[in-house]
PDB file of N, CA and C in Angstrom:
ATOM      1  N   MET A   1       0.695  -0.892   0.144  1.00  0.00           N
ATOM      2  CA  MET A   1      -0.059  -0.075   0.382  1.00  0.00           C
ATOM      3  C   MET A   1       0.696   1.414  -0.086  1.00  0.00           C
ATOM      4  N   SER A   2       0.595   2.293  -0.984  1.00  0.00           N
ATOM      5  CA  SER A   2       1.505   3.192  -1.000  1.00  0.00           C
ATOM      6  C   SER A   2       1.387   3.882   0.134  1.00  0.00           C
ATOM      7  N   GLU A   3       2.104   4.916   0.238  1.00  0.00           N
ATOM      8  CA  GLU A   3       2.045   6.067   1.380  1.00  0.00           C
ATOM      9  C   GLU A   3       1.355   7.563   0.582  1.00  0.00           C
ATOM     10  N   PRO A   4       0.183   7.972   1.686  1.00  0.00           N
ATOM     11  CA  PRO A   4       0.217   9.245   0.755  1.00  0.00           C
ATOM     12  C   PRO A   4       0.978  10.285   0.453  1.00  0.00           C
ATOM     13  N   GLN A   5       0.195  11.052  -0.165  1.00  0.00           N
ATOM     14  CA  GLN A   5       0.728  12.210  -0.618  1.00  0.00           C
ATOM     15  C   GLN A   5       0.846  13.064   0.773  1.00  0.00           C
ATOM     16  N   PRO A   6       1.493  14.478   1.452  1.00  0.00           N
ATOM     17  CA  PRO A   6       1.857  15.309   2.129  1.00  0.00           C
ATOM     18  C   PRO A   6       0.571  15.907   1.956  1.00  0.00           C
ATOM     19  N   GLU A   7      -0.190  16.708   0.986  1.00  0.00           N
ATOM     20  CA  GLU A   7      -1.215  17.172   0.894  1.00  0.00           C
ATOM     21  C   GLU A   7      -2.495  16.750   0.158  1.00  0.00           C
ATOM     22  N   GLU A   8      -2.204  15.211  -0.267  1.00  0.00           N
ATOM     23  CA  GLU A   8      -3.387  14.243  -0.618  1.00  0.00           C
ATOM     24  C   GLU A   8      -4.811  14.580  -0.053  1.00  0.00           C
ATOM     25  N   LYS A   9      -5.582  14.528  -0.298  1.00  0.00           N
ATOM     26  CA  LYS A   9      -7.043  15.047   0.400  1.00  0.00           C
ATOM     27  C   LYS A   9      -7.868  13.936   0.040  1.00  0.00           C
ATOM     28  N   ILE A  10      -8.884  13.547   0.742  1.00  0.00           N
ATOM     29  CA  ILE A  10      -9.830  12.289   0.741  1.00  0.00           C
ATOM     30  C   ILE A  10     -11.413  12.977   0.709  1.00  0.00           C
ATOM     31  N   ASP A  11     -11.759  12.603  -0.303  1.00  0.00           N
ATOM     32  CA  ASP A  11     -13.076  13.353  -0.613  1.00  0.00           C
ATOM     33  C   ASP A  11     -13.970  13.488   0.888  1.00  0.00           C
ATOM     34  N   ALA A  12     -14.767  14.745   1.211  1.00  0.00           N
ATOM     35  CA  ALA A  12     -15.601  14.728   2.325  1.00  0.00           C
ATOM     36  C   ALA A  12     -16.358  14.197   2.431  1.00  0.00           C
ATOM     37  N   THR A  13     -17.028  13.026   1.583  1.00  0.00           N
ATOM     38  CA  THR A  13     -18.109  12.108   1.275  1.00  0.00           C
ATOM     39  C   THR A  13     -17.381  11.025   2.283  1.00  0.00           C
ATOM     40  N   PHE A  14     -16.325  10.452   1.566  1.00  0.00           N
ATOM     41  CA  PHE A  14     -16.446   9.388   2.113  1.00  0.00           C
ATOM     42  C   PHE A  14     -15.475   9.670   4.048  1.00  0.00           C
ATOM     43  N   ARG A  15     -15.503  10.685   4.362  1.00  0.00           N
ATOM     44  CA  ARG A  15     -14.516  10.734   5.509  1.00  0.00           C
ATOM     45  C   ARG A  15     -16.050  10.780   6.043  1.00  0.00           C
ATOM     46  N   ASN A  16     -17.044  11.544   6.194  1.00  0.00           N
ATOM     47  CA  ASN A  16     -18.268  11.750   6.758  1.00  0.00           C
ATOM     48  C   ASN A  16     -19.623   9.933   6.773  1.00  0.00           C
ATOM     49  N   GLY A  17     -19.062   9.155   5.480  1.00  0.00           N
ATOM     50  CA  GLY A  17     -19.146   8.349   6.139  1.00  0.00           C
ATOM     51  C   GLY A  17     -18.575   7.195   7.537  1.00  0.00           C
ATOM     52  N   SER A  18     -16.971   7.569   7.042  1.00  0.00           N
ATOM     53  CA  SER A  18     -16.319   7.032   7.932  1.00  0.00           C
ATOM     54  C   SER A  18     -16.698   7.677   9.501  1.00  0.00           C
ATOM     55  N   LEU A  19     -16.780   8.666   9.666  1.00  0.00           N
ATOM     56  CA  LEU A  19     -17.387   9.633  10.868  1.00  0.00           C
ATOM     57  C   LEU A  19     -18.661   9.436  11.398  1.00  0.00           C
ATOM     58  N   THR A  20     -19.784   8.368  10.358  1.00  0.00           N
ATOM     59  CA  THR A  20     -20.804   8.125  11.379  1.00  0.00           C
ATOM     60  C   THR A  20     -20.655   6.870  11.593  1.00  0.00           C
ATOM     61  N   ALA A  21     -19.852   5.797  10.511  1.00  0.00           N
ATOM     62  CA  ALA A  21     -19.634   4.625  11.125  1.00  0.00           C
ATOM     63  C   ALA A  21     -18.878   4.287  12.668  1.00  0.00           C
ATOM     64  N   THR A  22     -17.819   5.212  12.735  1.00  0.00           N
ATOM     65  CA  THR A  22     -17.100   5.380  14.436  1.00  0.00           C
ATOM     66  C   THR A  22     -17.806   6.058  15.295  1.00  0.00           C
ATOM     67  N   GLY A  23     -18.781   7.025  14.654  1.00  0.00           N
ATOM     68  CA  GLY A  23     -19.761   6.845  15.945  1.00  0.00           C
ATOM     69  C   GLY A  23     -20.457   6.457  16.191  1.00  0.00           C
ATOM     70  N   ILE A  24     -21.537   5.584  15.251  1.00  0.00           N
ATOM     71  CA  ILE A  24     -22.298   4.095  16.140  1.00  0.00           C
ATOM     72  C   ILE A  24     -21.664   3.602  17.032  1.00  0.00           C
ATOM     73  N   ILE A  25     -20.513   3.005  16.491  1.00  0.00           N
ATOM     74  CA  ILE A  25     -19.381   2.142  17.157  1.00  0.00           C
ATOM     75  C   ILE A  25     -19.236   2.811  18.518  1.00  0.00           C
ATOM     76  N   LEU A  26     -18.812   4.169  18.294  1.00  0.00           N
ATOM     77  CA  LEU A  26     -18.462   4.368  19.988  1.00  0.00           C
ATOM     78  C   LEU A  26     -19.846   4.517  20.516  1.00  0.00           C
ATOM     79  N   GLY A  27     -21.266   4.708  19.422  1.00  0.00           N
ATOM     80  CA  GLY A  27     -22.007   5.011  20.920  1.00  0.00           C
ATOM     81  C   GLY A  27     -22.477   3.518  21.251  1.00  0.00           C
ATOM     82  N   PHE A  28     -22.127   2.384  20.437  1.00  0.00           N
ATOM     83  CA  PHE A  28     -22.525   0.749  20.481  1.00  0.00           C
ATOM     84  C   PHE A  28     -21.485   0.493  22.151  1.00  0.00           C
ATOM     85  N   SER A  29     -20.101   1.054  21.855  1.00  0.00           N
ATOM     86  CA  SER A  29     -19.345   0.808  23.088  1.00  0.00           C
ATOM     87  C   SER A  29     -19.542   1.430  24.277  1.00  0.00           C
ATOM     88  N   LEU A  30     -19.925   3.168  24.421  1.00  0.00           N
ATOM     89  CA  LEU A  30     -20.559   3.408  25.397  1.00  0.00           C
ATOM     90  C   LEU A  30     -21.543   3.350  26.269  1.00  0.00           C
ATOM     91  N   ASN A  31     -22.717   2.956  25.492  1.00  0.00           N
ATOM     92  CA  ASN A  31     -23.769   2.016  26.078  1.00  0.00           C
ATOM     93  C   ASN A  31     -23.487   0.527  26.713  1.00  0.00           C
ATOM     94  N   PHE A  32     -22.395   0.044  26.272  1.00  0.00           N
ATOM     95  CA  PHE A  32     -22.111  -1.391  26.608  1.00  0.00           C
ATOM     96  C   PHE A  32     -21.576  -1.192  28.452  1.00  0.00           C
ATOM     97  N   ILE A  33     -21.020  -0.007  28.095  1.00  0.00           N
ATOM     98  CA  ILE A  33     -20.233   0.486  29.557  1.00  0.00           C
ATOM     99  C   ILE A  33     -20.758   0.975  30.602  1.00  0.00           C
ATOM    100  N   SER A  34     -22.216   1.741  30.091  1.00  0.00           N
ATOM    101  CA  SER A  34     -22.967   1.951  30.782  1.00  0.00           C
ATOM    102  C   SER A  34     -23.835   1.204  31.201  1.00  0.00           C
ATOM    103  N   LEU A  35     -23.925   0.434  31.003  1.00  0.00           N
ATOM    104  CA  LEU A  35     -24.866  -1.013  31.035  1.00  0.00           C
ATOM    105  C   LEU A  35     -24.174  -1.576  32.197  1.00  0.00           C
ATOM    106  N   TRP A  36     -23.082  -1.784  31.849  1.00  0.00           N
ATOM    107  CA  TRP A  36     -22.016  -2.641  32.329  1.00  0.00           C
ATOM    108  C   TRP A  36     -21.888  -2.394  34.398  1.00  0.00           C
ATOM    109  N   VAL A  37     -21.048  -0.938  34.146  1.00  0.00           N
ATOM    110  CA  VAL A  37     -21.323  -0.275  34.992  1.00  0.00           C
ATOM    111  C   VAL A  37     -22.792  -0.177  36.258  1.00  0.00           C
ATOM    112  N   SER A  38     -23.652   0.279  35.598  1.00  0.00           N
ATOM    113  CA  SER A  38     -24.941   0.198  36.672  1.00  0.00           C
ATOM    114  C   SER A  38     -25.301  -0.997  36.791  1.00  0.00           C
ATOM    115  N   ASN A  39     -24.628  -2.201  36.500  1.00  0.00           N
ATOM    116  CA  ASN A  39     -25.153  -3.328  37.310  1.00  0.00           C
ATOM    117  C   ASN A  39     -25.268  -3.559  38.663  1.00  0.00           C
ATOM    118  N   PRO A  40     -25.893  -3.268  39.212  1.00  0.00           N
ATOM    119  CA  PRO A  40     -26.491  -3.584  40.718  1.00  0.00           C
ATOM    120  C   PRO A  40     -25.584  -4.409  41.692  1.00  0.00           C
ATOM    121  N   ASN A  41     -24.680  -5.157  40.760  1.00  0.00           N
ATOM    122  CA  ASN A  41     -23.842  -5.959  41.673  1.00  0.00           C
ATOM    123  C   ASN A  41     -22.622  -5.468  42.143  1.00  0.00           C
ATOM    124  N   ASP A  42     -21.942  -6.319  42.979  1.00  0.00           N
ATOM    125  CA  ASP A  42     -20.463  -5.788  43.669  1.00  0.00           C
ATOM    126  C   ASP A  42     -19.584  -6.107  42.578  1.00  0.00           C
ATOM    127  N   TRP A  43     -18.794  -5.073  43.074  1.00  0.00           N
ATOM    128  CA  TRP A  43     -17.433  -5.300  42.140  1.00  0.00           C
ATOM    129  C   TRP A  43     -16.435  -5.854  42.739  1.00  0.00           C
ATOM    130  N   SER A  44     -15.652  -6.320  42.125  1.00  0.00           N
ATOM    131  CA  SER A  44     -14.252  -7.358  42.232  1.00  0.00           C
ATOM    132  C   SER A  44     -13.209  -6.596  41.551  1.00  0.00           C
ATOM    133  N   ARG A  45     -12.109  -7.366  42.491  1.00  0.00           N
ATOM    134  CA  ARG A  45     -10.515  -6.690  41.558  1.00  0.00           C
ATOM    135  C   ARG A  45     -10.539  -7.676  40.114  1.00  0.00           C
ATOM    136  N   VAL A  46     -11.197  -8.131  39.699  1.00  0.00           N
ATOM    137  CA  VAL A  46     -11.443  -9.090  38.961  1.00  0.00           C
ATOM    138  C   VAL A  46     -11.647  -7.914  37.886  1.00  0.00           C
ATOM    139  N   ASP A  47     -12.888  -7.367  37.790  1.00  0.00           N
ATOM    140  CA  ASP A  47     -13.330  -6.367  36.990  1.00  0.00           C
ATOM    141  C   ASP A  47     -12.459  -5.437  36.468  1.00  0.00           C
ATOM    142  N   LEU A  48     -11.388  -5.003  37.433  1.00  0.00           N
ATOM    143  CA  LEU A  48     -10.453  -3.863  36.870  1.00  0.00           C
ATOM    144  C   LEU A  48      -9.869  -4.165  35.601  1.00  0.00           C
ATOM    145  N   LEU A  49      -9.321  -5.420  35.357  1.00  0.00           N
ATOM    146  CA  LEU A  49      -8.779  -5.718  34.382  1.00  0.00           C
ATOM    147  C   LEU A  49      -9.910  -5.044  32.583  1.00  0.00           C
ATOM    148  N   PRO A  50     -11.029  -5.773  32.728  1.00  0.00           N
ATOM    149  CA  PRO A  50     -11.771  -5.586  31.441  1.00  0.00           C
ATOM    150  C   PRO A  50     -12.129  -3.995  31.751  1.00  0.00           C
ATOM    151  N   MET A  51     -12.423  -3.563  32.892  1.00  0.00           N
ATOM    152  CA  MET A  51     -12.765  -2.040  32.868  1.00  0.00           C
ATOM    153  C   MET A  51     -11.847  -1.227  32.284  1.00  0.00           C
ATOM    154  N   SER A  52     -10.321  -1.616  32.547  1.00  0.00           N
ATOM    155  CA  SER A  52      -9.431  -1.092  32.115  1.00  0.00           C
ATOM    156  C   SER A  52      -9.516  -0.618  30.190  1.00  0.00           C
ATOM    157  N   PHE A  53      -9.157  -1.849  29.901  1.00  0.00           N
ATOM    158  CA  PHE A  53      -9.377  -1.820  28.481  1.00  0.00           C
ATOM    159  C   PHE A  53     -10.770  -1.127  27.839  1.00  0.00           C
ATOM    160  N   LEU A  54     -11.820  -1.226  28.315  1.00  0.00           N
ATOM    161  CA  LEU A  54     -13.017  -0.712  27.771  1.00  0.00           C
ATOM    162  C   LEU A  54     -12.553   0.876  28.244  1.00  0.00           C
ATOM    163  N   THR A  55     -12.438   1.421  29.408  1.00  0.00           N
ATOM    164  CA  THR A  55     -11.583   2.821  29.069  1.00  0.00           C
ATOM    165  C   THR A  55     -10.933   3.032  28.404  1.00  0.00           C
ATOM    166  N   VAL A  56      -9.904   2.743  28.102  1.00  0.00           N
ATOM    167  CA  VAL A  56      -8.630   2.598  27.100  1.00  0.00           C
ATOM    168  C   VAL A  56      -8.946   2.909  25.534  1.00  0.00           C
ATOM    169  N   GLY A  57      -9.868   1.936  25.594  1.00  0.00           N
ATOM    170  CA  GLY A  57     -10.283   1.380  23.909  1.00  0.00           C
ATOM    171  C   GLY A  57     -11.316   2.895  23.594  1.00  0.00           C
ATOM    172  N   ILE A  58     -12.540   2.808  24.800  1.00  0.00           N
ATOM    173  CA  ILE A  58     -13.092   4.039  24.423  1.00  0.00           C
ATOM    174  C   ILE A  58     -12.769   5.850  24.317  1.00  0.00           C
ATOM    175  N   ALA A  59     -11.688   5.604  25.334  1.00  0.00           N
ATOM    176  CA  ALA A  59     -11.241   6.870  24.974  1.00  0.00           C
ATOM    177  C   ALA A  59     -10.241   7.169  23.605  1.00  0.00           C
ATOM    178  N   ILE A  60      -9.967   6.091  23.328  1.00  0.00           N
ATOM    179  CA  ILE A  60      -8.923   6.174  21.706  1.00  0.00           C
ATOM    180  C   ILE A  60      -9.839   6.053  20.472  1.00  0.00           C
ATOM    181  N   GLN A  61     -11.140   6.043  21.066  1.00  0.00           N
ATOM    182  CA  GLN A  61     -12.111   6.058  19.769  1.00  0.00           C
ATOM    183  C   GLN A  61     -13.089   7.182  19.926  1.00  0.00           C
ATOM    184  N   VAL A  62     -13.030   7.745  21.214  1.00  0.00           N
ATOM    185  CA  VAL A  62     -13.512   9.328  21.083  1.00  0.00           C
ATOM    186  C   VAL A  62     -12.411  10.155  20.438  1.00  0.00           C
ATOM    187  N   LYS A  63     -11.045   9.704  20.689  1.00  0.00           N
ATOM    188  CA  LYS A  63      -9.781  11.359  19.982  1.00  0.00           C
ATOM    189  C   LYS A  63      -9.819  10.687  19.036  1.00  0.00           C
ATOM    190  N   VAL A  64     -10.592   9.287  17.818  1.00  0.00           N
ATOM    191  CA  VAL A  64     -10.373   9.679  16.536  1.00  0.00           C
ATOM    192  C   VAL A  64     -12.175  10.519  16.036  1.00  0.00           C
ATOM    193  N   PHE A  65     -13.034   9.951  17.090  1.00  0.00           N
ATOM    194  CA  PHE A  65     -14.039  11.123  16.365  1.00  0.00           C
ATOM    195  C   PHE A  65     -14.543  12.258  16.486  1.00  0.00           C
ATOM    196  N   ALA A  66     -13.400  13.106  17.590  1.00  0.00           N
ATOM    197  CA  ALA A  66     -12.883  14.105  17.861  1.00  0.00           C
ATOM    198  C   ALA A  66     -11.966  14.756  16.446  1.00  0.00           C
ATOM    199  N   ASP A  67     -10.862  13.428  16.257  1.00  0.00           N
ATOM    200  CA  ASP A  67      -9.981  13.940  15.331  1.00  0.00           C
ATOM    201  C   ASP A  67     -10.576  13.538  13.704  1.00  0.00           C
ATOM    202  N   LEU A  68     -11.343  13.131  13.486  1.00  0.00           N
ATOM    203  CA  LEU A  68     -12.674  13.117  12.599  1.00  0.00           C
ATOM    204  C   LEU A  68     -13.424  14.109  11.952  1.00  0.00           C
ATOM    205  N   LEU A  69     -13.550  14.961  13.417  1.00  0.00           N
ATOM    206  CA  LEU A  69     -14.570  16.092  13.040  1.00  0.00           C
ATOM    207  C   LEU A  69     -13.621  17.331  13.004  1.00  0.00           C
ATOM    208  N   ALA A  70     -12.581  17.014  12.832  1.00  0.00           N
ATOM    209  CA  ALA A  70     -11.226  18.173  12.414  1.00  0.00           C
ATOM    210  C   ALA A  70     -11.001  18.794  11.247  1.00  0.00           C
ATOM    211  N   ARG A  71     -11.030  19.925  10.570  1.00  0.00           N
ATOM    212  CA  ARG A  71     -11.395  20.469   9.550  1.00  0.00           C
ATOM    213  C   ARG A  71     -10.135  19.577   8.610  1.00  0.00           C
ATOM    214  N   ASP A  72      -9.110  19.345   9.185  1.00  0.00           N
ATOM    215  CA  ASP A  72      -7.622  18.776   8.612  1.00  0.00           C
ATOM    216  C   ASP A  72      -7.962  17.282   8.438  1.00  0.00           C
ATOM    217  N   SER A  73      -8.799  16.534   8.563  1.00  0.00           N
ATOM    218  CA  SER A  73      -9.087  15.093   8.667  1.00  0.00           C
ATOM    219  C   SER A  73      -9.097  14.599   6.737  1.00  0.00           C
ATOM    220  N   LEU A  74      -9.619  15.594   5.940  1.00  0.00           N
ATOM    221  CA  LEU A  74      -9.926  15.553   4.924  1.00  0.00           C
ATOM    222  C   LEU A  74      -8.543  15.029   4.070  1.00  0.00           C
ATOM    223  N   LEU A  75      -7.011  15.964   5.537  1.00  0.00           N
ATOM    224  CA  LEU A  75      -5.893  14.923   4.660  1.00  0.00           C
ATOM    225  C   LEU A  75      -5.746  13.657   4.516  1.00  0.00           C
ATOM    226  N   ALA A  76      -5.273  13.102   3.504  1.00  0.00           N
ATOM    227  CA  ALA A  76      -4.990  11.929   3.588  1.00  0.00           C
ATOM    228  C   ALA A  76      -4.675  11.109   4.734  1.00  0.00           C
ATOM    229  N   VAL A  77      -3.559  11.697   4.800  1.00  0.00           N
ATOM    230  CA  VAL A  77      -2.170  10.830   6.016  1.00  0.00           C
ATOM    231  C   VAL A  77      -3.053  11.466   7.377  1.00  0.00           C
ATOM    232  N   LYS A  78      -4.053  12.257   7.583  1.00  0.00           N
ATOM    233  CA  LYS A  78      -4.491  12.577   9.029  1.00  0.00           C
ATOM    234  C   LYS A  78      -5.528  11.665   8.930  1.00  0.00           C
ATOM    235  N   TYR A  79      -6.094  11.332   7.844  1.00  0.00           N
ATOM    236  CA  TYR A  79      -7.737  10.465   7.808  1.00  0.00           C
ATOM    237  C   TYR A  79      -6.605   8.993   8.307  1.00  0.00           C
ATOM    238  N   ASP A  80      -5.821   8.444   7.443  1.00  0.00           N
ATOM    239  CA  ASP A  80      -5.200   7.520   7.983  1.00  0.00           C
ATOM    240  C   ASP A  80      -4.801   6.917   8.870  1.00  0.00           C
ATOM    241  N   ARG A  81      -4.489   7.811   9.893  1.00  0.00           N
ATOM    242  CA  ARG A  81      -3.765   7.603  10.939  1.00  0.00           C
ATOM    243  C   ARG A  81      -4.813   7.522  11.784  1.00  0.00           C
ATOM    244  N   ALA A  82      -6.359   8.335  11.911  1.00  0.00           N
ATOM    245  CA  ALA A  82      -7.647   8.094  12.389  1.00  0.00           C
ATOM    246  C   ALA A  82      -8.008   6.813  12.220  1.00  0.00           C
ATOM    247  N   ARG A  83      -7.765   6.612  11.146  1.00  0.00           N
ATOM    248  CA  ARG A  83      -8.757   4.824  10.871  1.00  0.00           C
ATOM    249  C   ARG A  83      -7.922   3.967  11.688  1.00  0.00           C
ATOM    250  N   ARG A  84      -6.563   3.920  11.442  1.00  0.00           N
ATOM    251  CA  ARG A  84      -5.287   2.945  12.331  1.00  0.00           C
ATOM    252  C   ARG A  84      -5.965   2.954  13.978  1.00  0.00           C
ATOM    253  N   LEU A  85      -6.072   4.754  14.688  1.00  0.00           N
ATOM    254  CA  LEU A  85      -5.866   4.242  15.677  1.00  0.00           C
ATOM    255  C   LEU A  85      -7.660   3.707  16.042  1.00  0.00           C
ATOM    256  N   PHE A  86      -8.247   4.215  15.012  1.00  0.00           N
ATOM    257  CA  PHE A  86      -9.796   3.520  15.913  1.00  0.00           C
ATOM    258  C   PHE A  86      -9.805   1.966  15.764  1.00  0.00           C
ATOM    259  N   LEU A  87      -9.218   1.776  14.657  1.00  0.00           N
ATOM    260  CA  LEU A  87      -8.577   0.126  14.782  1.00  0.00           C
ATOM    261  C   LEU A  87      -8.241  -0.383  16.359  1.00  0.00           C
ATOM    262  N   ILE A  88      -7.364   0.208  16.264  1.00  0.00           N
ATOM    263  CA  ILE A  88      -6.497  -0.360  17.682  1.00  0.00           C
ATOM    264  C   ILE A  88      -7.686   0.295  18.751  1.00  0.00           C
ATOM    265  N   GLY A  89      -8.048   1.173  18.809  1.00  0.00           N
ATOM    266  CA  GLY A  89      -9.441   1.582  20.126  1.00  0.00           C
ATOM    267  C   GLY A  89     -10.531   0.507  19.905  1.00  0.00           C
ATOM    268  N   LEU A  90     -11.109  -0.107  18.862  1.00  0.00           N
ATOM    269  CA  LEU A  90     -11.915  -1.046  19.024  1.00  0.00           C
ATOM    270  C   LEU A  90     -11.620  -2.561  19.137  1.00  0.00           C
ATOM    271  N   SER A  91     -10.188  -2.616  18.900  1.00  0.00           N
ATOM    272  CA  SER A  91      -9.486  -4.114  19.580  1.00  0.00           C
ATOM    273  C   SER A  91      -9.720  -4.120  20.583  1.00  0.00           C
ATOM    274  N   ILE A  92      -9.170  -3.034  21.771  1.00  0.00           N
ATOM    275  CA  ILE A  92      -9.154  -2.724  22.859  1.00  0.00           C
ATOM    276  C   ILE A  92     -10.307  -2.786  23.656  1.00  0.00           C
ATOM    277  N   VAL A  93     -11.124  -2.417  23.045  1.00  0.00           N
ATOM    278  CA  VAL A  93     -13.062  -2.607  23.742  1.00  0.00           C
ATOM    279  C   VAL A  93     -13.363  -3.805  23.087  1.00  0.00           C
ATOM    280  N   ALA A  94     -13.095  -4.144  22.016  1.00  0.00           N
ATOM    281  CA  ALA A  94     -13.353  -5.717  21.759  1.00  0.00           C
ATOM    282  C   ALA A  94     -12.811  -7.088  22.987  1.00  0.00           C
ATOM    283  N   THR A  95     -11.185  -6.575  23.620  1.00  0.00           N
ATOM    284  CA  THR A  95     -10.639  -7.556  24.087  1.00  0.00           C
ATOM    285  C   THR A  95     -11.145  -7.289  25.704  1.00  0.00           C
ATOM    286  N   GLY A  96     -11.486  -6.176  25.734  1.00  0.00           N
ATOM    287  CA  GLY A  96     -12.164  -5.574  27.421  1.00  0.00           C
ATOM    288  C   GLY A  96     -13.597  -6.206  27.511  1.00  0.00           C
ATOM    289  N   MET A  97     -14.102  -6.441  26.397  1.00  0.00           N
ATOM    290  CA  MET A  97     -15.384  -6.732  26.651  1.00  0.00           C
ATOM    291  C   MET A  97     -14.841  -8.744  27.085  1.00  0.00           C
ATOM    292  N   GLY A  98     -14.625  -9.023  25.831  1.00  0.00           N
ATOM    293  CA  GLY A  98     -13.982 -10.445  25.791  1.00  0.00           C
ATOM    294  C   GLY A  98     -13.599 -11.119  27.208  1.00  0.00           C
ATOM    295  N   ILE A  99     -13.082 -10.047  27.978  1.00  0.00           N
ATOM    296  CA  ILE A  99     -12.612 -10.550  29.113  1.00  0.00           C
ATOM    297  C   ILE A  99     -13.449 -10.556  30.097  1.00  0.00           C
ATOM    298  N   ALA A 100     -14.333  -9.606  29.971  1.00  0.00           N
ATOM    299  CA  ALA A 100     -16.099  -9.631  31.319  1.00  0.00           C
ATOM    300  C   ALA A 100     -16.935 -10.586  30.580  1.00  0.00           C
ATOM    301  N   LEU A 101     -16.615 -10.887  29.153  1.00  0.00           N
ATOM    302  CA  LEU A 101     -17.413 -12.163  29.113  1.00  0.00           C
ATOM    303  C   LEU A 101     -16.696 -14.031  29.601  1.00  0.00           C
ATOM    304  N   LEU A 102     -15.315 -13.468  29.422  1.00  0.00           N
ATOM    305  CA  LEU A 102     -14.633 -14.707  29.615  1.00  0.00           C
ATOM    306  C   LEU A 102     -14.940 -15.016  31.530  1.00  0.00           C
ATOM    307  N   ASN A 103     -14.670 -13.754  32.229  1.00  0.00           N
ATOM    308  CA  ASN A 103     -15.155 -13.391  33.566  1.00  0.00           C
ATOM    309  C   ASN A 103     -16.090 -14.250  34.002  1.00  0.00           C
ATOM    310  N   ASP A 104     -17.220 -14.192  33.380  1.00  0.00           N
ATOM    311  CA  ASP A 104     -18.796 -14.180  33.605  1.00  0.00           C
ATOM    312  C   ASP A 104     -19.088 -15.808  33.476  1.00  0.00           C
ATOM    313  N   ILE A 105     -18.344 -16.104  32.315  1.00  0.00           N
ATOM    314  CA  ILE A 105     -18.367 -17.579  31.944  1.00  0.00           C
ATOM    315  C   ILE A 105     -18.046 -18.156  33.094  1.00  0.00           C
ATOM    316  N   LEU A 106     -16.677 -18.360  33.415  1.00  0.00           N
ATOM    317  CA  LEU A 106     -15.908 -18.473  34.123  1.00  0.00           C
ATOM    318  C   LEU A 106     -15.881 -18.575  36.054  1.00  0.00           C
ATOM    319  N   GLY A 107     -17.327 -17.577  36.092  1.00  0.00           N
ATOM    320  CA  GLY A 107     -17.610 -17.450  37.434  1.00  0.00           C
ATOM    321  C   GLY A 107     -16.812 -16.656  38.034  1.00  0.00           C
ATOM    322  N   LEU A 108     -15.976 -15.900  37.694  1.00  0.00           N
ATOM    323  CA  LEU A 108     -14.939 -14.944  38.501  1.00  0.00           C
ATOM    324  C   LEU A 108     -15.464 -13.342  38.899  1.00  0.00           C
ATOM    325  N   SER A 109     -16.813 -13.570  38.397  1.00  0.00           N
ATOM    326  CA  SER A 109     -16.650 -11.710  38.680  1.00  0.00           C
ATOM    327  C   SER A 109     -19.124 -12.045  38.881  1.00  0.00           C
ATOM    328  N   SER A 110     -18.843 -10.888  39.672  1.00  0.00           N
ATOM    329  CA  SER A 110     -20.156 -10.742  40.140  1.00  0.00           C
ATOM    330  C   SER A 110     -20.869  -9.911  39.187  1.00  0.00           C
ATOM    331  N   MET A 111     -19.854  -9.349  38.562  1.00  0.00           N
ATOM    332  CA  MET A 111     -20.634  -8.462  37.545  1.00  0.00           C
ATOM    333  C   MET A 111     -21.371  -9.315  36.433  1.00  0.00           C
ATOM    334  N   ARG A 112     -22.053  -9.670  36.144  1.00  0.00           N
ATOM    335  CA  ARG A 112     -23.323 -10.251  35.202  1.00  0.00           C
ATOM    336  C   ARG A 112     -23.067  -9.536  33.748  1.00  0.00           C
ATOM    337  N   MET A 113     -22.677 -10.419  32.574  1.00  0.00           N
ATOM    338  CA  MET A 113     -23.264 -10.152  31.261  1.00  0.00           C
ATOM    339  C   MET A 113     -24.269 -10.313  31.191  1.00  0.00           C
ATOM    340  N   PHE A 114     -24.460 -11.615  31.441  1.00  0.00           N
ATOM    341  CA  PHE A 114     -25.853 -12.557  30.660  1.00  0.00           C
ATOM    342  C   PHE A 114     -27.052 -12.412  32.146  1.00  0.00           C
ATOM    343  N   GLY A 115     -28.210 -12.244  32.791  1.00  0.00           N
ATOM    344  CA  GLY A 115     -29.085 -12.174  33.295  1.00  0.00           C
ATOM    345  C   GLY A 115     -28.631 -13.160  34.481  1.00  0.00           C
TER     346      GLY A 115
END
């Protein structure tokens, strides 16, 4: 894959679609953490690991969302960086959800994902 030129720009329509997708996935991530945190069960130390992953991953997603809202996000270099960062944030959130699910399945956590 070739590196974009410093002043190469992407089409605004393409960026807008990416911004929409990023916002939707960020919304799902925030909804998951909101439901998980509002769970009435007690927290334990085992819950700190998935919560750390979720928090870091969501923070990265929020940064990417803000980056895509910036005027200079139409520059291909900035857009590509935001896209890579978003995929990293998404992977971190997925890892946190996976750890939380595994903790639930193994009965290690009182923070239930399943009723």
